């Protein structure tokens, strides 16, 4: 499934409910899921990690839809390598 298909599926499945909940609540849910992902990365199984990555992706997709952001367009920022230096792999100095 590509990003556009995934975004359509999330909007069809949860869009009405997520819009009613609103952006601030969606950001809170996304932050909670990122915390669960961090915990799964440290202590979880590969299956738990995959589950949490999917949840983070779903909440991020919901947020993007509520903000009117097309995920394919957003991802295009990285299509040609690092958006700062343009290289692949990134040639920017490490932070």
PDB file of N, CA and C in Angstrom:
ATOM      1  N   UNK A   1       0.850  -1.173   0.000  1.00  0.00           N
ATOM      2  CA  UNK A   1       0.000   0.000   0.000  1.00  0.00           C
ATOM      3  C   UNK A   1       0.898   1.238   0.000  1.00  0.00           C
ATOM      4  N   UNK A   2       0.628   2.175  -0.907  1.00  0.00           N
ATOM      5  CA  UNK A   2       1.420   3.397  -0.928  1.00  0.00           C
ATOM      6  C   UNK A   2       0.823   4.443   0.017  1.00  0.00           C
ATOM      7  N   UNK A   3       1.535   5.542   0.193  1.00  0.00           N
ATOM      8  CA  UNK A   3       1.102   6.561   1.162  1.00  0.00           C
ATOM      9  C   UNK A   3      -0.266   7.145   0.828  1.00  0.00           C
ATOM     10  N   UNK A   4      -0.531   7.406  -0.449  1.00  0.00           N
ATOM     11  CA  UNK A   4      -1.826   7.982  -0.833  1.00  0.00           C
ATOM     12  C   UNK A   4      -2.960   7.016  -0.501  1.00  0.00           C
ATOM     13  N   UNK A   5      -2.774   5.737  -0.798  1.00  0.00           N
ATOM     14  CA  UNK A   5      -3.796   4.736  -0.473  1.00  0.00           C
ATOM     15  C   UNK A   5      -3.987   4.637   1.034  1.00  0.00           C
ATOM     16  N   UNK A   6      -2.884   4.662   1.776  1.00  0.00           N
ATOM     17  CA  UNK A   6      -2.975   4.578   3.229  1.00  0.00           C
ATOM     18  C   UNK A   6      -3.713   5.801   3.786  1.00  0.00           C
ATOM     19  N   UNK A   7      -3.398   6.985   3.274  1.00  0.00           N
ATOM     20  CA  UNK A   7      -4.056   8.189   3.769  1.00  0.00           C
ATOM     21  C   UNK A   7      -5.564   8.120   3.473  1.00  0.00           C
ATOM     22  N   UNK A   8      -5.927   7.681   2.279  1.00  0.00           N
ATOM     23  CA  UNK A   8      -7.356   7.538   1.953  1.00  0.00           C
ATOM     24  C   UNK A   8      -8.028   6.544   2.894  1.00  0.00           C
ATOM     25  N   UNK A   9      -7.372   5.411   3.163  1.00  0.00           N
ATOM     26  CA  UNK A   9      -7.956   4.392   4.040  1.00  0.00           C
ATOM     27  C   UNK A   9      -8.157   4.931   5.456  1.00  0.00           C
ATOM     28  N   UNK A  10      -7.176   5.666   5.975  1.00  0.00           N
ATOM     29  CA  UNK A  10      -7.312   6.223   7.324  1.00  0.00           C
ATOM     30  C   UNK A  10      -8.440   7.246   7.375  1.00  0.00           C
ATOM     31  N   UNK A  11      -8.515   8.113   6.360  1.00  0.00           N
ATOM     32  CA  UNK A  11      -9.571   9.137   6.331  1.00  0.00           C
ATOM     33  C   UNK A  11     -10.944   8.475   6.222  1.00  0.00           C
ATOM     34  N   UNK A  12     -11.069   7.453   5.374  1.00  0.00           N
ATOM     35  CA  UNK A  12     -12.355   6.761   5.239  1.00  0.00           C
ATOM     36  C   UNK A  12     -12.746   6.053   6.526  1.00  0.00           C
ATOM     37  N   UNK A  13     -11.774   5.504   7.221  1.00  0.00           N
ATOM     38  CA  UNK A  13     -12.046   4.711   8.418  1.00  0.00           C
ATOM     39  C   UNK A  13     -12.261   5.584   9.650  1.00  0.00           C
ATOM     40  N   UNK A  14     -11.430   6.592   9.829  1.00  0.00           N
ATOM     41  CA  UNK A  14     -11.438   7.371  11.068  1.00  0.00           C
ATOM     42  C   UNK A  14     -11.646   8.874  10.889  1.00  0.00           C
ATOM     43  N   UNK A  15     -11.715   9.350   9.647  1.00  0.00           N
ATOM     44  CA  UNK A  15     -11.723  10.787   9.389  1.00  0.00           C
ATOM     45  C   UNK A  15     -12.773  11.578  10.136  1.00  0.00           C
ATOM     46  N   UNK A  16     -14.011  11.123  10.096  1.00  0.00           N
ATOM     47  CA  UNK A  16     -15.085  11.863  10.769  1.00  0.00           C
ATOM     48  C   UNK A  16     -14.846  11.942  12.278  1.00  0.00           C
ATOM     49  N   UNK A  17     -14.489  10.833  12.871  1.00  0.00           N
ATOM     50  CA  UNK A  17     -14.225  10.784  14.311  1.00  0.00           C
ATOM     51  C   UNK A  17     -13.012  11.644  14.675  1.00  0.00           C
ATOM     52  N   UNK A  18     -11.956  11.559  13.872  1.00  0.00           N
ATOM     53  CA  UNK A  18     -10.743  12.321  14.160  1.00  0.00           C
ATOM     54  C   UNK A  18     -10.971  13.824  14.009  1.00  0.00           C
ATOM     55  N   UNK A  19     -11.738  14.236  12.979  1.00  0.00           N
ATOM     56  CA  UNK A  19     -12.040  15.664  12.825  1.00  0.00           C
ATOM     57  C   UNK A  19     -12.850  16.175  14.007  1.00  0.00           C
ATOM     58  N   UNK A  20     -13.778  15.357  14.504  1.00  0.00           N
ATOM     59  CA  UNK A  20     -14.576  15.758  15.666  1.00  0.00           C
ATOM     60  C   UNK A  20     -13.697  15.877  16.914  1.00  0.00           C
ATOM     61  N   UNK A  21     -12.708  15.016  17.030  1.00  0.00           N
ATOM     62  CA  UNK A  21     -11.787  15.045  18.163  1.00  0.00           C
ATOM     63  C   UNK A  21     -10.916  16.290  18.096  1.00  0.00           C
ATOM     64  N   UNK A  22     -10.468  16.640  16.883  1.00  0.00           N
ATOM     65  CA  UNK A  22      -9.698  17.852  16.667  1.00  0.00           C
ATOM     66  C   UNK A  22      -8.188  17.640  16.668  1.00  0.00           C
ATOM     67  N   UNK A  23      -7.488  18.641  16.160  1.00  0.00           N
ATOM     68  CA  UNK A  23      -6.033  18.580  16.015  1.00  0.00           C
ATOM     69  C   UNK A  23      -5.326  18.450  17.361  1.00  0.00           C
ATOM     70  N   UNK A  24      -5.654  19.264  18.384  1.00  0.00           N
ATOM     71  CA  UNK A  24      -4.907  19.135  19.647  1.00  0.00           C
ATOM     72  C   UNK A  24      -5.002  17.726  20.250  1.00  0.00           C
ATOM     73  N   UNK A  25      -6.175  17.123  20.207  1.00  0.00           N
ATOM     74  CA  UNK A  25      -6.321  15.768  20.750  1.00  0.00           C
ATOM     75  C   UNK A  25      -5.574  14.758  19.886  1.00  0.00           C
ATOM     76  N   UNK A  26      -5.566  14.967  18.586  1.00  0.00           N
ATOM     77  CA  UNK A  26      -4.838  14.066  17.696  1.00  0.00           C
ATOM     78  C   UNK A  26      -3.343  14.130  17.976  1.00  0.00           C
ATOM     79  N   UNK A  27      -2.830  15.327  18.202  1.00  0.00           N
ATOM     80  CA  UNK A  27      -1.408  15.472  18.547  1.00  0.00           C
ATOM     81  C   UNK A  27      -1.114  14.748  19.858  1.00  0.00           C
ATOM     82  N   UNK A  28      -2.017  14.845  20.820  1.00  0.00           N
ATOM     83  CA  UNK A  28      -1.824  14.153  22.100  1.00  0.00           C
ATOM     84  C   UNK A  28      -1.796  12.641  21.894  1.00  0.00           C
ATOM     85  N   UNK A  29      -2.712  12.119  21.077  1.00  0.00           N
ATOM     86  CA  UNK A  29      -2.721  10.682  20.800  1.00  0.00           C
ATOM     87  C   UNK A  29      -1.449  10.261  20.076  1.00  0.00           C
ATOM     88  N   UNK A  30      -1.004  11.080  19.121  1.00  0.00           N
ATOM     89  CA  UNK A  30       0.233  10.781  18.399  1.00  0.00           C
ATOM     90  C   UNK A  30       1.412  10.726  19.369  1.00  0.00           C
ATOM     91  N   UNK A  31       1.498  11.689  20.259  1.00  0.00           N
ATOM     92  CA  UNK A  31       2.590  11.711  21.238  1.00  0.00           C
ATOM     93  C   UNK A  31       2.542  10.466  22.134  1.00  0.00           C
ATOM     94  N   UNK A  32       1.354  10.070  22.533  1.00  0.00           N
ATOM     95  CA  UNK A  32       1.222   8.865  23.356  1.00  0.00           C
ATOM     96  C   UNK A  32       1.706   7.632  22.591  1.00  0.00           C
ATOM     97  N   UNK A  33       1.337   7.549  21.319  1.00  0.00           N
ATOM     98  CA  UNK A  33       1.769   6.404  20.509  1.00  0.00           C
ATOM     99  C   UNK A  33       3.279   6.405  20.293  1.00  0.00           C
ATOM    100  N   UNK A  34       3.878   7.581  20.149  1.00  0.00           N
ATOM    101  CA  UNK A  34       5.343   7.642  20.016  1.00  0.00           C
ATOM    102  C   UNK A  34       5.998   7.110  21.291  1.00  0.00           C
ATOM    103  N   UNK A  35       5.429   7.444  22.436  1.00  0.00           N
ATOM    104  CA  UNK A  35       5.935   6.898  23.702  1.00  0.00           C
ATOM    105  C   UNK A  35       5.825   5.388  23.747  1.00  0.00           C
ATOM    106  N   UNK A  36       4.692   4.861  23.268  1.00  0.00           N
ATOM    107  CA  UNK A  36       4.529   3.405  23.235  1.00  0.00           C
ATOM    108  C   UNK A  36       5.523   2.765  22.271  1.00  0.00           C
ATOM    109  N   UNK A  37       5.808   3.446  21.170  1.00  0.00           N
ATOM    110  CA  UNK A  37       6.815   2.944  20.233  1.00  0.00           C
ATOM    111  C   UNK A  37       8.192   2.926  20.878  1.00  0.00           C
ATOM    112  N   UNK A  38       8.521   3.985  21.593  1.00  0.00           N
ATOM    113  CA  UNK A  38       9.830   4.034  22.273  1.00  0.00           C
ATOM    114  C   UNK A  38       9.968   2.876  23.253  1.00  0.00           C
ATOM    115  N   UNK A  39       8.913   2.600  23.988  1.00  0.00           N
ATOM    116  CA  UNK A  39       8.934   1.489  24.946  1.00  0.00           C
ATOM    117  C   UNK A  39       9.096   0.154  24.207  1.00  0.00           C
ATOM    118  N   UNK A  40       8.384  -0.007  23.090  1.00  0.00           N
ATOM    119  CA  UNK A  40       8.470  -1.252  22.325  1.00  0.00           C
ATOM    120  C   UNK A  40       9.855  -1.436  21.718  1.00  0.00           C
ATOM    121  N   UNK A  41      10.483  -0.354  21.293  1.00  0.00           N
ATOM    122  CA  UNK A  41      11.835  -0.453  20.737  1.00  0.00           C
ATOM    123  C   UNK A  41      12.814  -0.908  21.809  1.00  0.00           C
ATOM    124  N   UNK A  42      12.648  -0.390  23.011  1.00  0.00           N
ATOM    125  CA  UNK A  42      13.559  -0.769  24.106  1.00  0.00           C
ATOM    126  C   UNK A  42      13.299  -2.169  24.624  1.00  0.00           C
ATOM    127  N   UNK A  43      12.045  -2.536  24.786  1.00  0.00           N
ATOM    128  CA  UNK A  43      11.730  -3.765  25.520  1.00  0.00           C
ATOM    129  C   UNK A  43      10.791  -4.720  24.797  1.00  0.00           C
ATOM    130  N   UNK A  44      10.317  -4.363  23.619  1.00  0.00           N
ATOM    131  CA  UNK A  44       9.300  -5.166  22.960  1.00  0.00           C
ATOM    132  C   UNK A  44       9.847  -6.165  21.968  1.00  0.00           C
ATOM    133  N   UNK A  45       8.956  -6.984  21.497  1.00  0.00           N
ATOM    134  CA  UNK A  45       9.266  -7.953  20.455  1.00  0.00           C
ATOM    135  C   UNK A  45       9.174  -7.265  19.090  1.00  0.00           C
ATOM    136  N   UNK A  46       9.705  -7.879  18.047  1.00  0.00           N
ATOM    137  CA  UNK A  46       9.534  -7.305  16.709  1.00  0.00           C
ATOM    138  C   UNK A  46       8.061  -7.097  16.338  1.00  0.00           C
ATOM    139  N   UNK A  47       7.197  -8.002  16.747  1.00  0.00           N
ATOM    140  CA  UNK A  47       5.766  -7.850  16.462  1.00  0.00           C
ATOM    141  C   UNK A  47       5.190  -6.626  17.187  1.00  0.00           C
ATOM    142  N   UNK A  48       5.584  -6.422  18.432  1.00  0.00           N
ATOM    143  CA  UNK A  48       5.115  -5.248  19.182  1.00  0.00           C
ATOM    144  C   UNK A  48       5.657  -3.959  18.566  1.00  0.00           C
ATOM    145  N   UNK A  49       6.889  -3.994  18.116  1.00  0.00           N
ATOM    146  CA  UNK A  49       7.483  -2.819  17.476  1.00  0.00           C
ATOM    147  C   UNK A  49       6.735  -2.474  16.187  1.00  0.00           C
ATOM    148  N   UNK A  50       6.443  -3.480  15.380  1.00  0.00           N
ATOM    149  CA  UNK A  50       5.701  -3.254  14.134  1.00  0.00           C
ATOM    150  C   UNK A  50       4.306  -2.700  14.425  1.00  0.00           C
ATOM    151  N   UNK A  51       3.658  -3.219  15.459  1.00  0.00           N
ATOM    152  CA  UNK A  51       2.332  -2.740  15.869  1.00  0.00           C
ATOM    153  C   UNK A  51       2.387  -1.253  16.216  1.00  0.00           C
ATOM    154  N   UNK A  52       3.374  -0.865  16.980  1.00  0.00           N
ATOM    155  CA  UNK A  52       3.484   0.534  17.411  1.00  0.00           C
ATOM    156  C   UNK A  52       3.892   1.455  16.265  1.00  0.00           C
ATOM    157  N   UNK A  53       4.748   0.981  15.357  1.00  0.00           N
ATOM    158  CA  UNK A  53       5.080   1.783  14.178  1.00  0.00           C
ATOM    159  C   UNK A  53       3.807   2.044  13.377  1.00  0.00           C
ATOM    160  N   UNK A  54       2.967   1.020  13.210  1.00  0.00           N
ATOM    161  CA  UNK A  54       1.711   1.188  12.474  1.00  0.00           C
ATOM    162  C   UNK A  54       0.802   2.202  13.168  1.00  0.00           C
ATOM    163  N   UNK A  55       0.723   2.141  14.489  1.00  0.00           N
ATOM    164  CA  UNK A  55      -0.119   3.090  15.226  1.00  0.00           C
ATOM    165  C   UNK A  55       0.389   4.518  15.070  1.00  0.00           C
ATOM    166  N   UNK A  56       1.706   4.713  15.160  1.00  0.00           N
ATOM    167  CA  UNK A  56       2.280   6.055  14.977  1.00  0.00           C
ATOM    168  C   UNK A  56       1.978   6.547  13.564  1.00  0.00           C
ATOM    169  N   UNK A  57       2.155   5.693  12.571  1.00  0.00           N
ATOM    170  CA  UNK A  57       1.888   6.078  11.195  1.00  0.00           C
ATOM    171  C   UNK A  57       0.418   6.458  11.005  1.00  0.00           C
ATOM    172  N   UNK A  58      -0.482   5.704  11.625  1.00  0.00           N
ATOM    173  CA  UNK A  58      -1.912   5.999  11.504  1.00  0.00           C
ATOM    174  C   UNK A  58      -2.262   7.350  12.127  1.00  0.00           C
ATOM    175  N   UNK A  59      -1.754   7.634  13.318  1.00  0.00           N
ATOM    176  CA  UNK A  59      -2.043   8.914  13.963  1.00  0.00           C
ATOM    177  C   UNK A  59      -1.385  10.069  13.220  1.00  0.00           C
ATOM    178  N   UNK A  60      -0.181   9.885  12.704  1.00  0.00           N
ATOM    179  CA  UNK A  60       0.473  10.920  11.907  1.00  0.00           C
ATOM    180  C   UNK A  60      -0.333  11.195  10.633  1.00  0.00           C
ATOM    181  N   UNK A  61      -0.835  10.141  10.034  1.00  0.00           N
ATOM    182  CA  UNK A  61      -1.657  10.282   8.833  1.00  0.00           C
ATOM    183  C   UNK A  61      -2.941  11.025   9.133  1.00  0.00           C
ATOM    184  N   UNK A  62      -3.572  10.719  10.250  1.00  0.00           N
ATOM    185  CA  UNK A  62      -4.779  11.433  10.649  1.00  0.00           C
ATOM    186  C   UNK A  62      -4.491  12.913  10.854  1.00  0.00           C
ATOM    187  N   UNK A  63      -3.390  13.210  11.523  1.00  0.00           N
ATOM    188  CA  UNK A  63      -3.014  14.604  11.751  1.00  0.00           C
ATOM    189  C   UNK A  63      -2.778  15.320  10.416  1.00  0.00           C
ATOM    190  N   UNK A  64      -2.041  14.693   9.524  1.00  0.00           N
ATOM    191  CA  UNK A  64      -1.777  15.296   8.216  1.00  0.00           C
ATOM    192  C   UNK A  64      -3.082  15.588   7.484  1.00  0.00           C
ATOM    193  N   UNK A  65      -4.013  14.648   7.515  1.00  0.00           N
ATOM    194  CA  UNK A  65      -5.298  14.846   6.840  1.00  0.00           C
ATOM    195  C   UNK A  65      -6.052  16.022   7.443  1.00  0.00           C
ATOM    196  N   UNK A  66      -6.067  16.113   8.767  1.00  0.00           N
ATOM    197  CA  UNK A  66      -6.766  17.221   9.422  1.00  0.00           C
ATOM    198  C   UNK A  66      -6.143  18.568   9.089  1.00  0.00           C
ATOM    199  N   UNK A  67      -4.832  18.568   8.839  1.00  0.00           N
ATOM    200  CA  UNK A  67      -4.121  19.804   8.501  1.00  0.00           C
ATOM    201  C   UNK A  67      -4.135  20.088   7.001  1.00  0.00           C
ATOM    202  N   UNK A  68      -4.740  19.181   6.219  1.00  0.00           N
ATOM    203  CA  UNK A  68      -4.792  19.355   4.776  1.00  0.00           C
ATOM    204  C   UNK A  68      -3.478  19.072   4.081  1.00  0.00           C
ATOM    205  N   UNK A  69      -2.653  18.224   4.691  1.00  0.00           N
ATOM    206  CA  UNK A  69      -1.343  17.880   4.146  1.00  0.00           C
ATOM    207  C   UNK A  69      -1.425  16.533   3.452  1.00  0.00           C
ATOM    208  N   UNK A  70      -1.017  16.498   2.200  1.00  0.00           N
ATOM    209  CA  UNK A  70      -0.953  15.258   1.438  1.00  0.00           C
ATOM    210  C   UNK A  70       0.369  14.562   1.779  1.00  0.00           C
ATOM    211  N   UNK A  71       0.293  13.327   2.252  1.00  0.00           N
ATOM    212  CA  UNK A  71       1.508  12.622   2.661  1.00  0.00           C
ATOM    213  C   UNK A  71       2.481  12.400   1.513  1.00  0.00           C
ATOM    214  N   UNK A  72       1.964  12.116   0.321  1.00  0.00           N
ATOM    215  CA  UNK A  72       2.874  11.948  -0.817  1.00  0.00           C
ATOM    216  C   UNK A  72       3.650  13.233  -1.075  1.00  0.00           C
ATOM    217  N   UNK A  73       2.963  14.366  -1.025  1.00  0.00           N
ATOM    218  CA  UNK A  73       3.633  15.651  -1.243  1.00  0.00           C
ATOM    219  C   UNK A  73       4.650  15.925  -0.137  1.00  0.00           C
ATOM    220  N   UNK A  74       4.290  15.607   1.105  1.00  0.00           N
ATOM    221  CA  UNK A  74       5.219  15.828   2.218  1.00  0.00           C
ATOM    222  C   UNK A  74       6.452  14.936   2.088  1.00  0.00           C
ATOM    223  N   UNK A  75       6.240  13.678   1.720  1.00  0.00           N
ATOM    224  CA  UNK A  75       7.354  12.738   1.589  1.00  0.00           C
ATOM    225  C   UNK A  75       8.271  13.122   0.436  1.00  0.00           C
ATOM    226  N   UNK A  76       7.745  13.817  -0.558  1.00  0.00           N
ATOM    227  CA  UNK A  76       8.554  14.217  -1.717  1.00  0.00           C
ATOM    228  C   UNK A  76       9.731  15.091  -1.311  1.00  0.00           C
ATOM    229  N   UNK A  77       9.637  15.731  -0.154  1.00  0.00           N
ATOM    230  CA  UNK A  77      10.741  16.562   0.336  1.00  0.00           C
ATOM    231  C   UNK A  77      12.046  15.754   0.439  1.00  0.00           C
ATOM    232  N   UNK A  78      11.932  14.454   0.688  1.00  0.00           N
ATOM    233  CA  UNK A  78      13.101  13.597   0.877  1.00  0.00           C
ATOM    234  C   UNK A  78      13.369  12.682  -0.328  1.00  0.00           C
ATOM    235  N   UNK A  79      12.623  12.842  -1.402  1.00  0.00           N
ATOM    236  CA  UNK A  79      12.717  11.932  -2.546  1.00  0.00           C
ATOM    237  C   UNK A  79      14.079  11.960  -3.223  1.00  0.00           C
ATOM    238  N   UNK A  80      14.755  13.086  -3.197  1.00  0.00           N
ATOM    239  CA  UNK A  80      16.035  13.205  -3.898  1.00  0.00           C
ATOM    240  C   UNK A  80      17.224  13.243  -2.956  1.00  0.00           C
ATOM    241  N   UNK A  81      17.048  12.697  -1.766  1.00  0.00           N
ATOM    242  CA  UNK A  81      18.128  12.692  -0.785  1.00  0.00           C
ATOM    243  C   UNK A  81      17.876  13.712   0.305  1.00  0.00           C
ATOM    244  N   UNK A  82      18.926  14.085   0.987  1.00  0.00           N
ATOM    245  CA  UNK A  82      18.829  15.036   2.089  1.00  0.00           C
ATOM    246  C   UNK A  82      18.309  16.375   1.570  1.00  0.00           C
ATOM    247  N   UNK A  83      17.251  16.932   2.173  1.00  0.00           N
ATOM    248  CA  UNK A  83      16.748  18.213   1.684  1.00  0.00           C
ATOM    249  C   UNK A  83      17.723  19.372   1.905  1.00  0.00           C
ATOM    250  N   UNK A  84      18.661  19.211   2.812  1.00  0.00           N
ATOM    251  CA  UNK A  84      19.628  20.282   3.070  1.00  0.00           C
ATOM    252  C   UNK A  84      20.809  20.232   2.101  1.00  0.00           C
ATOM    253  N   UNK A  85      21.460  19.076   2.015  1.00  0.00           N
ATOM    254  CA  UNK A  85      22.666  18.992   1.177  1.00  0.00           C
ATOM    255  C   UNK A  85      22.399  18.342  -0.177  1.00  0.00           C
ATOM    256  N   UNK A  86      21.258  17.665  -0.332  1.00  0.00           N
ATOM    257  CA  UNK A  86      20.916  17.030  -1.592  1.00  0.00           C
ATOM    258  C   UNK A  86      21.628  15.722  -1.846  1.00  0.00           C
ATOM    259  N   UNK A  87      22.386  15.242  -0.893  1.00  0.00           N
ATOM    260  CA  UNK A  87      23.156  14.008  -1.100  1.00  0.00           C
ATOM    261  C   UNK A  87      22.423  12.800  -0.531  1.00  0.00           C
ATOM    262  N   UNK A  88      22.812  11.642  -1.055  1.00  0.00           N
ATOM    263  CA  UNK A  88      22.315  10.356  -0.575  1.00  0.00           C
ATOM    264  C   UNK A  88      23.478   9.398  -0.555  1.00  0.00           C
ATOM    265  N   UNK A  89      24.014   8.968   0.579  1.00  0.00           N
ATOM    266  CA  UNK A  89      23.565   9.336   1.922  1.00  0.00           C
ATOM    267  C   UNK A  89      23.888  10.794   2.246  1.00  0.00           C
ATOM    268  N   UNK A  90      23.242  11.272   3.273  1.00  0.00           N
ATOM    269  CA  UNK A  90      23.409  12.668   3.709  1.00  0.00           C
ATOM    270  C   UNK A  90      24.873  12.965   3.984  1.00  0.00           C
ATOM    271  N   UNK A  91      25.318  14.087   3.476  1.00  0.00           N
ATOM    272  CA  UNK A  91      26.696  14.505   3.700  1.00  0.00           C
ATOM    273  C   UNK A  91      26.827  15.643   4.695  1.00  0.00           C
ATOM    274  N   UNK A  92      25.723  16.008   5.358  1.00  0.00           N
ATOM    275  CA  UNK A  92      25.774  17.092   6.342  1.00  0.00           C
ATOM    276  C   UNK A  92      26.605  16.658   7.554  1.00  0.00           C
ATOM    277  N   UNK A  93      27.272  17.601   8.203  1.00  0.00           N
ATOM    278  CA  UNK A  93      28.000  17.249   9.431  1.00  0.00           C
ATOM    279  C   UNK A  93      27.012  16.722  10.484  1.00  0.00           C
ATOM    280  N   UNK A  94      27.446  15.743  11.241  1.00  0.00           N
ATOM    281  CA  UNK A  94      26.585  15.181  12.301  1.00  0.00           C
ATOM    282  C   UNK A  94      26.316  16.254  13.352  1.00  0.00           C
ATOM    283  N   UNK A  95      25.089  16.225  13.849  1.00  0.00           N
ATOM    284  CA  UNK A  95      24.704  17.210  14.864  1.00  0.00           C
ATOM    285  C   UNK A  95      25.292  16.883  16.220  1.00  0.00           C
TER     286      UNK A  95
END
